[in-house]
Amino acid sequence: EAALAHVARAEQEAMRLPELETAAPPPVETAAVIGAGAMGAGIATCFAAAGVPVTLVDLAQDGVDRGLAAARANLDGAVAKGR
């Protein structure tokens, strides 16, 4: 119980660091998605739609091919809807 209370206080104190008030995250220039399944293809689609170059990686080439096809279909669907 005392350990949990200590962790809770530490989390609260960490959010109060003055350095965090002026810190800005660095820009995302490139991305890599490991796993080209449905979720990986969706994440890759989001990066590509935002204009971020993305590399899609999977254990097998056929997985990469399916992931790229899904990402391409997602983007084509968005274009067809005028997005």
Protein backbone atom coordinates (compact mmCIF):
# COMPACT_ATOMS: atom_id res chain seq x y z
CA GLU A 1 0.00 0.00 0.00
CA ALA A 2 2.80 2.44 0.84
CA ALA A 3 4.56 1.57 -2.42
CA LEU A 4 1.42 2.36 -4.45
CA ALA A 5 1.04 5.68 -2.65
CA HIS A 6 4.68 6.47 -3.41
CA VAL A 7 4.17 5.68 -7.12
CA ALA A 8 1.04 7.85 -7.24
CA ARG A 9 2.90 10.80 -5.68
CA ALA A 10 5.85 10.30 -8.03
CA GLU A 11 3.52 10.38 -11.06
CA GLN A 12 1.93 13.59 -9.83
CA GLU A 13 5.31 15.22 -9.22
CA ALA A 14 6.58 14.16 -12.64
CA MET A 15 3.73 16.08 -14.28
CA ARG A 16 4.81 19.25 -12.48
CA LEU A 17 8.30 19.50 -13.97
CA PRO A 18 8.79 23.09 -15.20
CA GLU A 19 10.88 21.83 -18.12
CA LEU A 20 7.78 20.11 -19.52
CA GLU A 21 5.85 23.36 -19.80
CA THR A 22 8.08 24.66 -22.61
CA ALA A 23 9.10 21.33 -24.13
CA ALA A 24 7.84 20.54 -27.61
CA PRO A 25 8.04 17.12 -29.23
CA PRO A 26 10.35 16.88 -32.22
CA PRO A 27 8.66 16.69 -35.62
CA VAL A 28 7.97 13.23 -37.02
CA GLU A 29 10.04 12.99 -40.20
CA THR A 30 9.78 9.27 -40.95
CA ALA A 31 7.99 6.28 -39.45
CA ALA A 32 8.28 2.51 -39.41
CA VAL A 33 5.42 0.14 -38.67
CA ILE A 34 6.34 -3.36 -37.58
CA GLY A 35 3.59 -5.79 -38.48
CA ALA A 36 1.61 -5.37 -41.69
CA GLY A 37 -1.69 -6.83 -40.49
CA ALA A 38 -4.92 -4.88 -40.31
CA MET A 39 -3.72 -2.62 -37.51
CA GLY A 40 -0.27 -2.08 -39.03
CA ALA A 41 -1.78 -1.22 -42.41
CA GLY A 42 -4.13 1.24 -40.71
CA ILE A 43 -1.28 2.91 -38.82
CA ALA A 44 0.80 3.09 -42.01
CA THR A 45 -2.20 4.66 -43.77
CA CYS A 46 -2.44 7.35 -41.10
CA PHE A 47 1.23 8.25 -41.44
CA ALA A 48 1.04 8.29 -45.25
CA ALA A 49 -2.09 10.45 -45.17
CA ALA A 50 -0.23 12.91 -42.94
CA GLY A 51 2.60 13.09 -45.49
CA VAL A 52 5.08 11.16 -43.37
CA PRO A 53 7.22 8.63 -45.28
CA VAL A 54 6.53 5.23 -43.73
CA THR A 55 8.23 1.83 -43.94
CA LEU A 56 6.01 -1.22 -43.41
CA VAL A 57 7.78 -4.33 -42.08
CA ASP A 58 6.49 -7.86 -41.60
CA LEU A 59 7.98 -11.32 -41.15
CA ALA A 60 7.12 -12.40 -44.69
CA GLN A 61 6.92 -10.60 -48.01
CA ASP A 62 3.34 -11.74 -48.59
CA GLY A 63 2.38 -10.02 -45.32
CA VAL A 64 3.99 -6.80 -46.51
CA ASP A 65 2.22 -7.13 -49.86
CA ARG A 66 -1.18 -7.58 -48.15
CA GLY A 67 -0.47 -4.67 -45.79
CA LEU A 68 0.50 -2.38 -48.66
CA ALA A 69 -2.59 -3.42 -50.60
CA ALA A 70 -4.78 -2.65 -47.57
CA ALA A 71 -3.09 0.72 -47.03
CA ARG A 72 -3.48 1.55 -50.72
CA ALA A 73 -7.17 0.59 -50.58
CA ASN A 74 -7.64 2.77 -47.50
CA LEU A 75 -6.04 5.76 -49.23
CA ASP A 76 -7.94 5.16 -52.49
CA GLY A 77 -11.18 5.01 -50.52
CA ALA A 78 -10.37 8.30 -48.80
CA VAL A 79 -9.61 9.93 -52.16
CA ALA A 80 -12.87 8.60 -53.62
CA LYS A 81 -14.72 10.23 -50.71
CA GLY A 82 -12.92 13.52 -51.31
CA ARG A 83 -10.78 13.41 -48.19
